[in-house]
Amino acid sequence: MANKKTTLNDILERIVKIEIRLEEIAPIAKRKLPSKKEQIAQIEAEIKIWSQKFPTIDIEFELAKMLDWLKATNKRKKDYRAFFRNWLRKSTNTVGNEPVTPQSYTYSCASNKAGCKDEVSDFKDMSFFCKECNNIKTIIKVTRN
């Protein structure tokens, strides 16, 4: 096998050919995206689609939170739709976004006198006062509706 010597011009020609092929591929980093305003307007126009993809989330509230965070931290993103999609995915993983089953709470007196009546409320942090025994009623039963 004979050794071929490569000249500097041959190397430069190969580099030019490789650069031309790379430009044809058009990597994601070089793609042209709309401006921030156009991307945000597109997200706002697709609120119904986002709410179908993420049914347990208030999409408009999360969009406002995201825009506030971007403004407060002075961050800029190339693809705001991708950033918003990831924002929504992370917000679904947080505690408190599961559908809440309605509950009712039964309040009663500790004395159980004949004139004392139980009170039912949908709120856990209520305070009922019993006129018969002059005591504050406490929760005795939690019922799922």
C-alpha atoms as a PDB file:
ATOM      1  CA  MET A   1       0.000   0.000   0.000  1.00  0.00           C
ATOM      2  CA  ALA A   2       1.436   3.279  -1.047  1.00  0.00           C
ATOM      3  CA  ASN A   3       1.256   6.251   1.274  1.00  0.00           C
ATOM      4  CA  LYS A   4      -0.709   9.131  -0.165  1.00  0.00           C
ATOM      5  CA  LYS A   5       0.303  12.583   0.854  1.00  0.00           C
ATOM      6  CA  THR A   6      -2.527  14.972   1.458  1.00  0.00           C
ATOM      7  CA  THR A   7      -2.016  18.572   0.638  1.00  0.00           C
ATOM      8  CA  LEU A   8      -3.479  21.524   2.465  1.00  0.00           C
ATOM      9  CA  ASN A   9      -5.709  22.317  -0.521  1.00  0.00           C
ATOM     10  CA  ASP A  10      -7.219  18.792  -0.401  1.00  0.00           C
ATOM     11  CA  ILE A  11      -8.060  19.213   3.279  1.00  0.00           C
ATOM     12  CA  LEU A  12      -9.627  22.616   2.662  1.00  0.00           C
ATOM     13  CA  GLU A  13     -11.757  21.221  -0.187  1.00  0.00           C
ATOM     14  CA  ARG A  14     -13.013  18.421   2.083  1.00  0.00           C
ATOM     15  CA  ILE A  15     -13.907  20.932   4.798  1.00  0.00           C
ATOM     16  CA  VAL A  16     -15.882  23.033   2.294  1.00  0.00           C
ATOM     17  CA  LYS A  17     -17.805  19.938   1.119  1.00  0.00           C
ATOM     18  CA  ILE A  18     -18.609  18.971   4.718  1.00  0.00           C
ATOM     19  CA  GLU A  19     -19.839  22.502   5.512  1.00  0.00           C
ATOM     20  CA  ILE A  20     -22.112  22.452   2.460  1.00  0.00           C
ATOM     21  CA  ARG A  21     -23.597  19.115   3.582  1.00  0.00           C
ATOM     22  CA  LEU A  22     -24.139  20.456   7.117  1.00  0.00           C
ATOM     23  CA  GLU A  23     -26.028  23.480   5.792  1.00  0.00           C
ATOM     24  CA  GLU A  24     -28.318  21.168   3.797  1.00  0.00           C
ATOM     25  CA  ILE A  25     -29.196  19.194   6.921  1.00  0.00           C
ATOM     26  CA  ALA A  26     -30.439  22.419   8.661  1.00  0.00           C
ATOM     27  CA  PRO A  27     -30.037  21.545  12.329  1.00  0.00           C
ATOM     28  CA  ILE A  28     -32.652  22.589  14.876  1.00  0.00           C
ATOM     29  CA  ALA A  29     -30.362  25.217  16.353  1.00  0.00           C
ATOM     30  CA  LYS A  30     -30.385  27.102  13.049  1.00  0.00           C
ATOM     31  CA  ARG A  31     -34.117  26.939  12.337  1.00  0.00           C
ATOM     32  CA  LYS A  32     -35.987  30.191  12.321  1.00  0.00           C
ATOM     33  CA  LEU A  33     -38.678  30.493  14.974  1.00  0.00           C
ATOM     34  CA  PRO A  34     -41.290  33.243  15.215  1.00  0.00           C
ATOM     35  CA  SER A  35     -40.740  36.115  17.617  1.00  0.00           C
ATOM     36  CA  LYS A  36     -41.653  35.848  21.295  1.00  0.00           C
ATOM     37  CA  LYS A  37     -44.894  37.799  20.801  1.00  0.00           C
ATOM     38  CA  GLU A  38     -45.943  35.554  17.925  1.00  0.00           C
ATOM     39  CA  GLN A  39     -45.159  32.389  19.887  1.00  0.00           C
ATOM     40  CA  ILE A  40     -47.092  33.611  22.964  1.00  0.00           C
ATOM     41  CA  ALA A  41     -50.034  34.608  20.745  1.00  0.00           C
ATOM     42  CA  GLN A  42     -49.966  31.118  19.237  1.00  0.00           C
ATOM     43  CA  ILE A  43     -50.038  29.556  22.720  1.00  0.00           C
ATOM     44  CA  GLU A  44     -52.986  31.780  23.702  1.00  0.00           C
ATOM     45  CA  ALA A  45     -54.829  30.790  20.518  1.00  0.00           C
ATOM     46  CA  GLU A  46     -54.386  27.115  21.403  1.00  0.00           C
ATOM     47  CA  ILE A  47     -55.739  27.322  24.976  1.00  0.00           C
ATOM     48  CA  LYS A  48     -58.482  24.766  24.217  1.00  0.00           C
ATOM     49  CA  ILE A  49     -55.968  22.288  22.813  1.00  0.00           C
ATOM     50  CA  TRP A  50     -53.696  22.717  25.841  1.00  0.00           C
ATOM     51  CA  SER A  51     -56.633  22.229  28.216  1.00  0.00           C
ATOM     52  CA  GLN A  52     -57.535  18.975  26.464  1.00  0.00           C
ATOM     53  CA  LYS A  53     -53.968  17.701  26.799  1.00  0.00           C
ATOM     54  CA  PHE A  54     -53.750  18.780  30.453  1.00  0.00           C
ATOM     55  CA  PRO A  55     -57.319  18.552  31.845  1.00  0.00           C
ATOM     56  CA  THR A  56     -56.419  18.982  35.533  1.00  0.00           C
ATOM     57  CA  ILE A  57     -54.602  22.287  35.030  1.00  0.00           C
ATOM     58  CA  ASP A  58     -55.851  25.859  34.682  1.00  0.00           C
ATOM     59  CA  ILE A  59     -53.971  26.668  31.465  1.00  0.00           C
ATOM     60  CA  GLU A  60     -54.525  30.438  31.507  1.00  0.00           C
ATOM     61  CA  PHE A  61     -53.280  30.671  35.095  1.00  0.00           C
ATOM     62  CA  GLU A  62     -50.181  28.592  34.289  1.00  0.00           C
ATOM     63  CA  LEU A  63     -49.466  30.747  31.223  1.00  0.00           C
ATOM     64  CA  ALA A  64     -49.658  33.872  33.380  1.00  0.00           C
ATOM     65  CA  LYS A  65     -47.341  32.239  35.947  1.00  0.00           C
ATOM     66  CA  MET A  66     -44.856  31.295  33.233  1.00  0.00           C
ATOM     67  CA  LEU A  67     -44.833  34.794  31.722  1.00  0.00           C
ATOM     68  CA  ASP A  68     -44.398  36.350  35.169  1.00  0.00           C
ATOM     69  CA  TRP A  69     -41.506  34.001  35.911  1.00  0.00           C
ATOM     70  CA  LEU A  70     -39.829  34.821  32.592  1.00  0.00           C
ATOM     71  CA  LYS A  71     -40.200  38.533  33.269  1.00  0.00           C
ATOM     72  CA  ALA A  72     -39.004  38.296  36.872  1.00  0.00           C
ATOM     73  CA  THR A  73     -35.941  36.229  36.029  1.00  0.00           C
ATOM     74  CA  ASN A  74     -35.275  38.107  32.760  1.00  0.00           C
ATOM     75  CA  LYS A  75     -35.033  34.791  30.879  1.00  0.00           C
ATOM     76  CA  ARG A  76     -35.413  34.316  27.136  1.00  0.00           C
ATOM     77  CA  LYS A  77     -36.206  31.103  25.344  1.00  0.00           C
ATOM     78  CA  LYS A  78     -35.869  30.068  21.717  1.00  0.00           C
ATOM     79  CA  ASP A  79     -39.014  27.954  21.605  1.00  0.00           C
ATOM     80  CA  TYR A  80     -41.685  29.265  23.991  1.00  0.00           C
ATOM     81  CA  ARG A  81     -44.190  26.578  23.007  1.00  0.00           C
ATOM     82  CA  ALA A  82     -41.762  23.835  24.030  1.00  0.00           C
ATOM     83  CA  PHE A  83     -40.971  25.710  27.231  1.00  0.00           C
ATOM     84  CA  PHE A  84     -44.687  26.080  28.028  1.00  0.00           C
ATOM     85  CA  ARG A  85     -45.321  22.387  27.303  1.00  0.00           C
ATOM     86  CA  ASN A  86     -42.559  21.427  29.739  1.00  0.00           C
ATOM     87  CA  TRP A  87     -43.908  23.974  32.252  1.00  0.00           C
ATOM     88  CA  LEU A  88     -47.321  22.251  32.119  1.00  0.00           C
ATOM     89  CA  ARG A  89     -45.768  18.801  32.445  1.00  0.00           C
ATOM     90  CA  LYS A  90     -43.940  19.867  35.579  1.00  0.00           C
ATOM     91  CA  SER A  91     -47.048  21.457  37.048  1.00  0.00           C
ATOM     92  CA  THR A  92     -48.959  18.168  36.666  1.00  0.00           C
ATOM     93  CA  ASN A  93     -46.355  16.416  38.800  1.00  0.00           C
ATOM     94  CA  THR A  94     -46.818  18.748  41.753  1.00  0.00           C
ATOM     95  CA  VAL A  95     -48.983  17.909  44.731  1.00  0.00           C
ATOM     96  CA  GLY A  96     -52.445  19.426  44.751  1.00  0.00           C
ATOM     97  CA  ASN A  97     -53.329  19.018  41.091  1.00  0.00           C
ATOM     98  CA  GLU A  98     -55.204  15.768  41.571  1.00  0.00           C
ATOM     99  CA  PRO A  99     -58.969  16.005  41.261  1.00  0.00           C
ATOM    100  CA  VAL A 100     -60.423  16.621  44.689  1.00  0.00           C
ATOM    101  CA  THR A 101     -63.364  14.522  45.803  1.00  0.00           C
ATOM    102  CA  PRO A 102     -65.964  16.655  47.560  1.00  0.00           C
ATOM    103  CA  GLN A 103     -66.430  15.937  51.235  1.00  0.00           C
ATOM    104  CA  SER A 104     -68.900  16.953  53.882  1.00  0.00           C
ATOM    105  CA  TYR A 105     -68.156  17.281  57.578  1.00  0.00           C
ATOM    106  CA  THR A 106     -70.538  16.544  60.424  1.00  0.00           C
ATOM    107  CA  TYR A 107     -70.080  18.685  63.546  1.00  0.00           C
ATOM    108  CA  SER A 108     -71.461  17.653  66.930  1.00  0.00           C
ATOM    109  CA  CYS A 109     -71.209  18.527  70.622  1.00  0.00           C
ATOM    110  CA  ALA A 110     -69.113  16.491  72.993  1.00  0.00           C
ATOM    111  CA  SER A 111     -71.923  16.437  75.600  1.00  0.00           C
ATOM    112  CA  ASN A 112     -74.559  14.709  73.367  1.00  0.00           C
ATOM    113  CA  LYS A 113     -77.517  16.354  75.175  1.00  0.00           C
ATOM    114  CA  ALA A 114     -81.029  15.761  73.874  1.00  0.00           C
ATOM    115  CA  GLY A 115     -81.414  19.300  72.468  1.00  0.00           C
ATOM    116  CA  CYS A 116     -78.084  19.347  70.625  1.00  0.00           C
ATOM    117  CA  LYS A 117     -78.292  19.007  66.853  1.00  0.00           C
ATOM    118  CA  ASP A 118     -75.562  17.982  64.451  1.00  0.00           C
ATOM    119  CA  GLU A 119     -74.464  20.439  61.756  1.00  0.00           C
ATOM    120  CA  VAL A 120     -73.241  19.416  58.293  1.00  0.00           C
ATOM    121  CA  SER A 121     -70.861  21.588  56.291  1.00  0.00           C
ATOM    122  CA  ASP A 122     -68.754  21.306  53.144  1.00  0.00           C
ATOM    123  CA  PHE A 123     -65.936  23.176  54.880  1.00  0.00           C
ATOM    124  CA  LYS A 124     -63.446  21.633  57.261  1.00  0.00           C
ATOM    125  CA  ASP A 125     -62.372  24.808  59.031  1.00  0.00           C
ATOM    126  CA  MET A 126     -65.767  25.904  60.308  1.00  0.00           C
ATOM    127  CA  SER A 127     -66.631  26.690  63.886  1.00  0.00           C
ATOM    128  CA  PHE A 128     -70.136  25.908  65.123  1.00  0.00           C
ATOM    129  CA  PHE A 129     -71.379  26.904  68.561  1.00  0.00           C
ATOM    130  CA  CYS A 130     -74.014  24.870  70.389  1.00  0.00           C
ATOM    131  CA  LYS A 131     -76.588  27.034  72.160  1.00  0.00           C
ATOM    132  CA  GLU A 132     -77.772  24.162  74.348  1.00  0.00           C
ATOM    133  CA  CYS A 133     -74.429  23.208  75.952  1.00  0.00           C
ATOM    134  CA  ASN A 134     -72.446  26.434  75.313  1.00  0.00           C
ATOM    135  CA  ASN A 135     -69.628  24.469  73.650  1.00  0.00           C
ATOM    136  CA  ILE A 136     -67.943  24.580  70.277  1.00  0.00           C
ATOM    137  CA  LYS A 137     -68.858  21.626  68.090  1.00  0.00           C
ATOM    138  CA  THR A 138     -66.145  19.372  66.670  1.00  0.00           C
ATOM    139  CA  ILE A 139     -65.994  17.128  63.602  1.00  0.00           C
ATOM    140  CA  ILE A 140     -67.304  13.647  64.328  1.00  0.00           C
ATOM    141  CA  LYS A 141     -67.741  12.300  60.789  1.00  0.00           C
ATOM    142  CA  VAL A 142     -66.281  12.913  57.307  1.00  0.00           C
ATOM    143  CA  THR A 143     -68.382  11.800  54.362  1.00  0.00           C
ATOM    144  CA  ARG A 144     -67.274  11.623  50.716  1.00  0.00           C
ATOM    145  CA  ASN A 145     -69.984  12.880  48.382  1.00  0.00           C
END
